[in-house]
Protein backbone atom coordinates (compact mmCIF):
# COMPACT_ATOMS: atom_id res chain seq x y z
CA UNK A 1 -2.59 -40.68 -116.14
CA UNK A 2 -5.30 -41.53 -113.73
CA UNK A 3 -2.82 -43.61 -111.75
CA UNK A 4 -0.27 -40.79 -111.75
CA UNK A 5 -2.97 -38.35 -110.72
CA UNK A 6 -4.09 -40.68 -107.94
CA UNK A 7 -0.51 -40.97 -106.68
CA UNK A 8 -0.12 -37.21 -106.87
CA UNK A 9 -3.39 -36.78 -105.02
CA UNK A 10 -2.27 -39.30 -102.41
CA UNK A 11 1.03 -37.54 -101.90
CA UNK A 12 -0.73 -34.22 -101.63
CA UNK A 13 -3.22 -35.73 -99.24
CA UNK A 14 -0.36 -37.12 -97.05
CA UNK A 15 1.47 -33.80 -97.12
CA UNK A 16 -1.73 -31.99 -96.26
CA UNK A 17 -2.38 -34.36 -93.36
CA UNK A 18 1.15 -33.85 -92.00
CA UNK A 19 0.83 -30.10 -92.42
CA UNK A 20 -2.57 -30.21 -90.71
CA UNK A 21 -1.15 -32.19 -87.77
CA UNK A 22 1.77 -29.78 -87.49
CA UNK A 23 -0.55 -26.76 -87.53
CA UNK A 24 -2.91 -28.40 -85.01
CA UNK A 25 0.01 -29.16 -82.63
CA UNK A 26 1.33 -25.61 -83.01
CA UNK A 27 -2.08 -24.12 -82.47
CA UNK A 28 -2.66 -26.23 -79.37
CA UNK A 29 0.71 -25.29 -77.93
CA UNK A 30 0.16 -21.67 -78.72
CA UNK A 31 -3.28 -21.63 -77.21
CA UNK A 32 -2.05 -23.50 -74.11
CA UNK A 33 0.97 -21.22 -73.51
CA UNK A 34 -0.53 -17.90 -74.56
CA UNK A 35 -4.19 -17.99 -73.75
CA UNK A 36 -4.09 -20.14 -70.55
CA UNK A 37 -4.31 -17.04 -68.36
CA UNK A 38 -6.98 -15.46 -70.54
CA UNK A 39 -9.05 -18.65 -70.66
CA UNK A 40 -8.70 -19.18 -66.92
CA UNK A 41 -9.76 -15.58 -66.22
CA UNK A 42 -12.57 -15.93 -68.73
CA UNK A 43 -13.82 -19.06 -66.99
CA UNK A 44 -13.44 -17.44 -63.55
CA UNK A 45 -14.58 -13.85 -64.11
CA UNK A 46 -16.84 -13.67 -67.06
CA UNK A 47 -18.42 -17.10 -66.85
CA UNK A 48 -18.08 -17.55 -70.61
CA UNK A 49 -18.31 -20.96 -72.26
CA UNK A 50 -14.77 -22.30 -72.74
CA UNK A 51 -15.97 -24.79 -75.29
CA UNK A 52 -16.98 -22.13 -77.87
CA UNK A 53 -13.85 -22.47 -80.10
CA UNK A 54 -14.31 -26.23 -80.17
CA UNK A 55 -17.96 -25.91 -81.20
CA UNK A 56 -16.98 -23.43 -83.86
CA UNK A 57 -14.33 -25.85 -85.19
CA UNK A 58 -16.81 -28.76 -85.24
CA UNK A 59 -19.37 -26.56 -86.99
CA UNK A 60 -16.81 -25.57 -89.63
CA UNK A 61 -15.87 -29.20 -90.18
CA UNK A 62 -19.54 -30.20 -90.63
CA UNK A 63 -20.12 -27.40 -93.14
CA UNK A 64 -17.03 -28.42 -95.16
CA UNK A 65 -18.12 -32.06 -95.13
CA UNK A 66 -21.57 -31.08 -96.39
CA UNK A 67 -20.00 -29.01 -99.16
CA UNK A 68 -17.79 -31.97 -100.17
CA UNK A 69 -20.84 -34.23 -100.23
CA UNK A 70 -22.71 -31.85 -102.52
CA UNK A 71 -19.67 -31.68 -104.87
CA UNK A 72 -19.52 -35.49 -105.03
CA UNK A 73 -23.20 -35.75 -105.89
CA UNK A 74 -22.78 -33.18 -108.66
CA UNK A 75 -19.88 -35.16 -110.10
CA UNK A 76 -21.91 -38.37 -110.10
CA UNK A 77 -24.77 -36.53 -111.75
CA UNK A 78 -22.47 -35.29 -114.49
CA UNK A 79 -21.47 -38.93 -115.29
CA UNK A 80 -18.04 -39.19 -113.75
CA UNK A 81 -16.64 -42.71 -113.38
CA UNK A 82 -16.17 -44.58 -110.23
CA UNK A 83 -12.48 -43.87 -110.06
CA UNK A 84 -12.98 -40.23 -110.82
CA UNK A 85 -15.71 -40.19 -108.27
CA UNK A 86 -13.42 -41.87 -105.76
CA UNK A 87 -10.63 -39.53 -106.52
CA UNK A 88 -12.99 -36.59 -106.31
CA UNK A 89 -14.43 -37.96 -103.09
CA UNK A 90 -10.97 -38.38 -101.61
CA UNK A 91 -10.01 -34.95 -102.90
CA UNK A 92 -13.21 -33.53 -101.41
CA UNK A 93 -12.53 -35.26 -98.10
CA UNK A 94 -8.99 -33.91 -98.10
CA UNK A 95 -10.30 -30.48 -98.93
CA UNK A 96 -12.85 -30.86 -96.15
CA UNK A 97 -10.13 -31.82 -93.70
CA UNK A 98 -7.95 -28.95 -94.84
CA UNK A 99 -10.89 -26.60 -94.51
CA UNK A 100 -11.64 -28.04 -91.07
CA UNK A 101 -8.01 -27.50 -89.97
CA UNK A 102 -8.10 -23.97 -91.34
CA UNK A 103 -11.38 -23.35 -89.57
CA UNK A 104 -9.93 -24.80 -86.34
CA UNK A 105 -6.88 -22.52 -86.62
CA UNK A 106 -9.04 -19.54 -87.39
CA UNK A 107 -11.35 -20.34 -84.48
CA UNK A 108 -8.34 -20.73 -82.17
CA UNK A 109 -6.91 -17.44 -83.36
CA UNK A 110 -10.27 -15.74 -82.84
CA UNK A 111 -10.54 -17.25 -79.30
CA UNK A 112 -7.01 -16.12 -78.51
CA UNK A 113 -7.66 -12.64 -79.82
CA UNK A 114 -10.89 -12.43 -77.78
CA UNK A 115 -9.06 -13.56 -74.65
CA UNK A 116 -6.32 -10.96 -75.20
CA UNK A 117 -8.95 -8.24 -75.74
CA UNK A 118 -10.79 -9.22 -72.52
CA UNK A 119 -7.54 -9.30 -70.53
CA UNK A 120 -6.64 -5.88 -71.92
CA UNK A 121 -10.06 -4.44 -71.06
CA UNK A 122 -9.76 -5.78 -67.48
CA UNK A 123 -6.28 -4.32 -67.20
CA UNK A 124 -7.66 -0.90 -68.27
CA UNK A 125 -10.55 -1.14 -65.82
CA UNK A 126 -8.20 -2.10 -62.99
CA UNK A 127 -6.24 1.13 -63.30
CA UNK A 128 -2.66 2.12 -63.22
CA UNK A 129 -1.97 2.05 -59.50
CA UNK A 130 -3.42 -1.43 -58.81
CA UNK A 131 -0.97 -4.36 -59.13
CA UNK A 132 -1.74 -7.01 -61.73
CA UNK A 133 -3.48 -10.15 -60.52
CA UNK A 134 -1.24 -13.23 -60.65
CA UNK A 135 -1.97 -16.18 -62.90
CA UNK A 136 -3.70 -19.26 -61.68
CA UNK A 137 -0.44 -21.19 -62.13
CA UNK A 138 1.49 -18.73 -59.92
CA UNK A 139 -1.23 -18.79 -57.21
CA UNK A 140 -0.79 -22.51 -56.76
CA UNK A 141 -4.28 -23.49 -57.91
CA UNK A 142 -6.26 -21.16 -55.54
CA UNK A 143 -9.90 -20.80 -56.41
CA UNK A 144 -12.89 -19.04 -55.05
CA UNK A 145 -12.61 -15.87 -52.98
CA UNK A 146 -8.84 -16.04 -52.38
CA UNK A 147 -8.01 -16.69 -56.08
CA UNK A 148 -8.52 -13.06 -57.08
CA UNK A 149 -6.55 -11.53 -54.18
CA UNK A 150 -2.90 -10.55 -54.53
CA UNK A 151 -0.39 -12.73 -52.78
CA UNK A 152 1.07 -9.63 -51.09
CA UNK A 153 -2.25 -8.78 -49.44
CA UNK A 154 -2.72 -12.35 -48.27
CA UNK A 155 0.77 -12.55 -46.84
CA UNK A 156 0.20 -9.24 -45.01
CA UNK A 157 -3.02 -10.49 -43.45
CA UNK A 158 -1.29 -13.72 -42.43
CA UNK A 159 1.47 -11.71 -40.77
CA UNK A 160 -1.11 -9.61 -38.89
CA UNK A 161 -2.88 -12.75 -37.66
CA UNK A 162 0.47 -14.23 -36.61
CA UNK A 163 1.31 -11.09 -34.62
CA UNK A 164 -2.07 -11.11 -32.92
CA UNK A 165 -1.67 -14.75 -32.00
CA UNK A 166 1.65 -14.21 -30.24
CA UNK A 167 1.17 -14.93 -26.50
CA UNK A 168 3.45 -12.16 -25.24
CA UNK A 169 1.79 -9.32 -27.19
CA UNK A 170 -0.80 -7.21 -25.36
CA UNK A 171 -3.92 -6.20 -27.17
CA UNK A 172 -4.74 -2.49 -27.26
CA UNK A 173 -7.34 -1.56 -24.62
CA UNK A 174 -10.86 -1.08 -25.86
CA UNK A 175 -13.17 1.64 -24.64
CA UNK A 176 -15.12 -0.80 -22.50
CA UNK A 177 -11.97 -2.12 -20.91
CA UNK A 178 -10.68 1.40 -20.36
CA UNK A 179 -13.92 2.44 -18.61
CA UNK A 180 -13.87 -0.73 -16.51
CA UNK A 181 -10.33 -0.05 -15.35
CA UNK A 182 -11.16 3.54 -14.53
CA UNK A 183 -14.20 2.59 -12.47
CA UNK A 184 -12.21 -0.08 -10.64
CA UNK A 185 -9.54 2.50 -9.77
CA UNK A 186 -12.15 5.01 -8.57
CA UNK A 187 -13.94 2.43 -6.45
CA UNK A 188 -10.64 1.25 -4.96
CA UNK A 189 -9.72 4.80 -3.95
CA UNK A 190 -13.15 5.36 -2.43
CA UNK A 191 -12.93 2.11 -0.49
CA UNK A 192 -9.50 3.01 0.89
CA UNK A 193 -10.70 6.48 1.92
CA UNK A 194 -13.79 5.03 3.58
CA UNK A 195 -11.78 2.49 5.57
CA UNK A 196 -9.27 5.17 6.60
CA UNK A 197 -12.07 7.46 7.77
CA UNK A 198 -13.75 4.69 9.76
CA UNK A 199 -10.49 3.64 11.41
CA UNK A 200 -9.09 7.09 12.18
CA UNK A 201 -12.12 9.29 12.84
CA UNK A 202 -14.78 6.99 14.29
CA UNK A 203 -15.10 4.70 17.29
CA UNK A 204 -15.38 1.58 15.13
CA UNK A 205 -11.87 0.57 16.27
CA UNK A 206 -11.84 2.78 19.34
CA UNK A 207 -10.71 2.16 22.90
CA UNK A 208 -13.18 0.01 24.81
CA UNK A 209 -11.14 -0.95 27.89
CA UNK A 210 -7.93 -0.03 29.80
CA UNK A 211 -6.00 -2.67 31.73
CA UNK A 212 -3.32 -2.00 34.41
CA UNK A 213 -0.56 -4.61 34.86
CA UNK A 214 2.09 -4.69 37.66
CA UNK A 215 0.52 -2.28 40.11
CA UNK A 216 0.64 -3.51 43.73
CA UNK A 217 0.86 -0.51 46.01
CA UNK A 218 -0.67 1.90 43.53
CA UNK A 219 -4.47 1.78 43.08
CA UNK A 220 -5.48 0.93 39.51
CA UNK A 221 -7.94 3.80 39.47
CA UNK A 222 -5.05 6.21 40.07
CA UNK A 223 -3.14 4.76 37.11
CA UNK A 224 -6.16 4.87 34.77
CA UNK A 225 -7.00 8.39 35.86
CA UNK A 226 -3.42 9.55 35.31
CA UNK A 227 -3.35 8.01 31.81
CA UNK A 228 -6.46 10.00 30.83
CA UNK A 229 -7.41 7.74 27.93
CA UNK A 230 -10.97 8.40 26.81
CA UNK A 231 -13.21 5.56 25.75
CA UNK A 232 -13.95 5.58 22.03
CA UNK A 233 -10.62 7.18 21.10
CA UNK A 234 -9.47 5.65 17.78
CA UNK A 235 -6.72 3.15 18.46
CA UNK A 236 -4.54 4.40 15.63
CA UNK A 237 -4.69 7.95 16.94
CA UNK A 238 -3.86 7.04 20.54
CA UNK A 239 -0.73 8.82 21.77
CA UNK A 240 0.83 6.10 23.91
CA UNK A 241 3.92 8.14 24.81
CA UNK A 242 1.86 10.97 26.22
CA UNK A 243 -0.24 8.56 28.25
CA UNK A 244 2.89 6.89 29.63
CA UNK A 245 4.40 10.26 30.55
CA UNK A 246 1.27 11.18 32.51
CA UNK A 247 1.34 7.88 34.42
CA UNK A 248 5.07 8.27 35.16
CA UNK A 249 4.30 11.41 37.16
CA UNK A 250 2.86 9.24 39.91
CA UNK A 251 5.44 9.12 42.78
CA UNK A 252 5.46 5.36 43.22
CA UNK A 253 5.86 4.60 39.49
CA UNK A 254 9.42 3.75 38.51
CA UNK A 255 8.76 2.76 34.90
CA UNK A 256 5.66 2.52 32.68
CA UNK A 257 4.75 1.33 29.17
CA UNK A 258 1.47 1.84 27.29
CA UNK A 259 0.68 -0.72 24.59
CA UNK A 260 -2.23 -1.36 22.22
CA UNK A 261 -3.98 -4.71 22.31
CA UNK A 262 -6.10 -4.87 19.18
CA UNK A 263 -8.85 -4.43 18.47
CA UNK A 264 -9.97 -2.21 21.39
CA UNK A 265 -7.83 -2.65 24.53
CA UNK A 266 -5.04 -0.51 25.99
CA UNK A 267 -2.57 -2.08 28.42
CA UNK A 268 -0.63 -0.01 30.99
CA UNK A 269 2.38 -1.95 32.31
CA UNK A 270 3.70 -0.41 35.53
CA UNK A 271 6.94 -1.05 37.46
CA UNK A 272 6.67 0.31 41.01
CA UNK A 273 9.53 1.79 43.02
CA UNK A 274 11.19 -0.41 45.63
CA UNK A 275 12.44 1.27 48.86
CA UNK A 276 16.02 0.63 50.04
CA UNK A 277 15.90 2.89 53.11
CA UNK A 278 13.66 5.09 55.17
CA UNK A 279 14.08 8.73 56.06
CA UNK A 280 12.81 10.02 59.37
CA UNK A 281 11.61 13.58 59.45
CA UNK A 282 10.31 14.08 62.96
CA UNK A 283 7.30 11.85 63.29
CA UNK A 284 7.03 11.25 59.53
CA UNK A 285 8.57 8.32 57.76
CA UNK A 286 9.53 8.60 54.09
CA UNK A 287 10.54 5.86 51.71
CA UNK A 288 13.71 6.28 49.62
CA UNK A 289 14.45 4.12 46.53
CA UNK A 290 17.74 3.24 44.84
CA UNK A 291 17.82 6.55 43.00
CA UNK A 292 17.73 8.53 46.27
CA UNK A 293 14.22 9.77 45.66
CA UNK A 294 11.94 10.37 48.63
CA UNK A 295 8.85 9.11 46.84
CA UNK A 296 6.31 8.20 49.52
CA UNK A 297 5.29 8.87 53.07
CA UNK A 298 4.10 6.03 55.24
CA UNK A 299 2.79 5.68 58.74
CA UNK A 300 5.21 2.91 59.76
CA UNK A 301 8.59 1.88 58.44
CA UNK A 302 8.63 -1.42 56.58
CA UNK A 303 10.56 -4.09 58.49
CA UNK A 304 14.15 -4.73 57.54
CA UNK A 305 14.87 -1.30 56.02
CA UNK A 306 17.80 0.74 57.37
CA UNK A 307 17.48 4.36 58.33
CA UNK A 308 19.19 6.89 56.10
CA UNK A 309 20.68 9.28 58.66
CA UNK A 310 21.32 12.24 56.40
CA UNK A 311 20.01 15.77 56.33
CA UNK A 312 20.04 16.50 52.58
CA UNK A 313 18.52 13.47 50.82
CA UNK A 314 17.78 13.99 47.14
CA UNK A 315 18.57 12.19 43.86
CA UNK A 316 21.09 14.75 42.65
CA UNK A 317 23.15 14.68 45.90
CA UNK A 318 26.40 12.66 45.41
CA UNK A 319 26.53 11.46 48.99
CA UNK A 320 22.91 10.34 48.88
CA UNK A 321 23.49 8.55 45.60
CA UNK A 322 26.57 6.73 46.97
CA UNK A 323 24.72 5.61 50.12
CA UNK A 324 21.70 4.20 48.31
CA UNK A 325 23.94 2.53 45.71
CA UNK A 326 25.75 0.60 48.45
CA UNK A 327 22.48 -0.43 50.07
CA UNK A 328 21.12 -1.70 46.73
CA UNK A 329 24.21 -3.78 45.94
CA UNK A 330 25.00 -5.57 49.21
CA UNK A 331 23.61 -9.09 49.78
CA UNK A 332 20.35 -9.48 51.64
CA UNK A 333 21.93 -11.29 54.60
CA UNK A 334 24.12 -8.26 55.14
CA UNK A 335 21.45 -5.64 54.46
CA UNK A 336 19.24 -7.28 57.09
CA UNK A 337 21.99 -6.52 59.69
CA UNK A 338 22.30 -2.84 58.71
CA UNK A 339 20.31 -0.40 60.84
CA UNK A 340 21.76 2.98 59.88
CA UNK A 341 23.57 4.39 56.86
CA UNK A 342 25.49 7.67 56.83
CA UNK A 343 27.58 9.43 54.20
CA UNK A 344 29.21 12.80 54.71
CA UNK A 345 30.93 12.53 51.34
CA UNK A 346 30.61 10.09 48.40
CA UNK A 347 33.84 8.35 49.61
CA UNK A 348 32.87 8.04 53.24
CA UNK A 349 29.93 5.65 53.41
CA UNK A 350 29.47 3.99 56.85
CA UNK A 351 27.19 1.18 57.90
CA UNK A 352 26.03 0.47 61.47
CA UNK A 353 25.09 -3.11 62.24
CA UNK A 354 22.48 -4.38 64.64
CA UNK A 355 25.08 -5.33 67.28
CA UNK A 356 26.63 -1.86 67.16
CA UNK A 357 29.66 -2.72 65.06
CA UNK A 358 30.78 -0.15 62.47
CA UNK A 359 31.74 -0.88 58.87
CA UNK A 360 33.81 1.65 56.94
CA UNK A 361 32.72 1.03 53.38
CA UNK A 362 34.39 3.91 51.60
CA UNK A 363 33.05 4.75 48.09
CA UNK A 364 30.46 2.90 46.03
CA UNK A 365 32.98 1.03 43.87
CA UNK A 366 33.77 -2.73 44.02
CA UNK A 367 30.69 -3.37 46.12
CA UNK A 368 30.46 -7.16 45.53
CA UNK A 369 34.14 -7.68 46.46
CA UNK A 370 33.82 -5.55 49.56
CA UNK A 371 30.76 -7.52 50.60
CA UNK A 372 32.66 -10.80 50.24
CA UNK A 373 35.65 -9.50 52.26
CA UNK A 374 33.33 -8.14 54.95
CA UNK A 375 31.60 -11.46 55.32
CA UNK A 376 35.00 -13.05 56.16
CA UNK A 377 36.00 -10.27 58.55
CA UNK A 378 32.78 -10.42 60.53
CA UNK A 379 33.88 -13.81 61.83
CA UNK A 380 36.63 -12.10 63.78
CA UNK A 381 36.08 -10.17 66.97
CA UNK A 382 36.18 -6.42 66.68
CA UNK A 383 34.17 -3.22 66.64
CA UNK A 384 35.33 -1.48 63.46
CA UNK A 385 35.76 -3.22 60.11
CA UNK A 386 37.43 -1.25 57.33
CA UNK A 387 36.88 -2.55 53.75
CA UNK A 388 37.41 0.75 51.95
CA UNK A 389 40.52 -0.90 50.46
CA UNK A 390 39.42 -4.49 49.90
CA UNK A 391 43.01 -5.63 49.23
CA UNK A 392 44.07 -4.47 52.71
CA UNK A 393 41.06 -4.83 55.04
CA UNK A 394 41.48 -4.17 58.79
CA UNK A 395 39.67 -5.01 62.00
CA UNK A 396 40.05 -2.76 65.07
CA UNK A 397 38.63 -2.47 68.54
């Protein structure tokens, strides 16, 4: 019977060991799958000792082993045999192991329950509107300050930093930058106004000198006086057209230009009138230019100028205009031979040469061709040369 009992006890002990291993594996899997988040949060937030269930299990096993030892001593004291004592010892050890497994399961259950209660209390403290914190497994092993932040908040901050780091995006102006820009704009406007005032209303860039160019018969003092340009007048405010118009009123001036020569000089460029004939009025001698203007009176006639033998000499007279046009267009070798010019009508211009010969010129058209034909005719003897019609010139006595 003892052998049968020992075999039964051995079978029970084997079954109990297998059951204990099965329960231990299940408990470990359960604790790993269910309480991993709670244990991780407990280790991170509360700073609790994660080895408490293990200590509790070891303490339970030690207490069961001590109880089994006391039971064995009592059996030996009561006179049990060696086999009985062995069987009792093995039974006590099996009971101790069973008790230890039960204690381990109970401790694991208590640890799991405590973890669930702590997770629930943190969920209540967090509130309804705040999103749940992700598990350590879902955060990819983040620890420290970033481990407790939601992934959404972190991704939003990363997106903000990415937008700020874009090179094409302009940062919003700060108050200091805004004030700096405003002061720069104000100072720029003030500088522009100051420069404009100095240039336009002061003598900083005013007229310092006036130069006359091209005047031969006209005294420079007369030209400067006629221009009436005051020294110190701002160059930008100088009315050059008005100054030129005043100089053009001088009789001998044919054309005039007034130009600025920066920074402080004014140039007056004058083109004088050139006489083409003289007009005798009693004892007075007047100079007449190519426009028919009687512009100057001289004491003696310049050499080589013909006399304009006409009574009504003025620029708007057609006969006068035709006569001076012919004199201005004929070659110099021919004009040097002309002594007198007359014109009763614009189509009846006549030239008297130094040897007394008469040239009937006609109107003031085709002057170069007429001059060429006349040069050929003058080689022939005669007193009157008619080139009014250059295609049919004539020579008569």
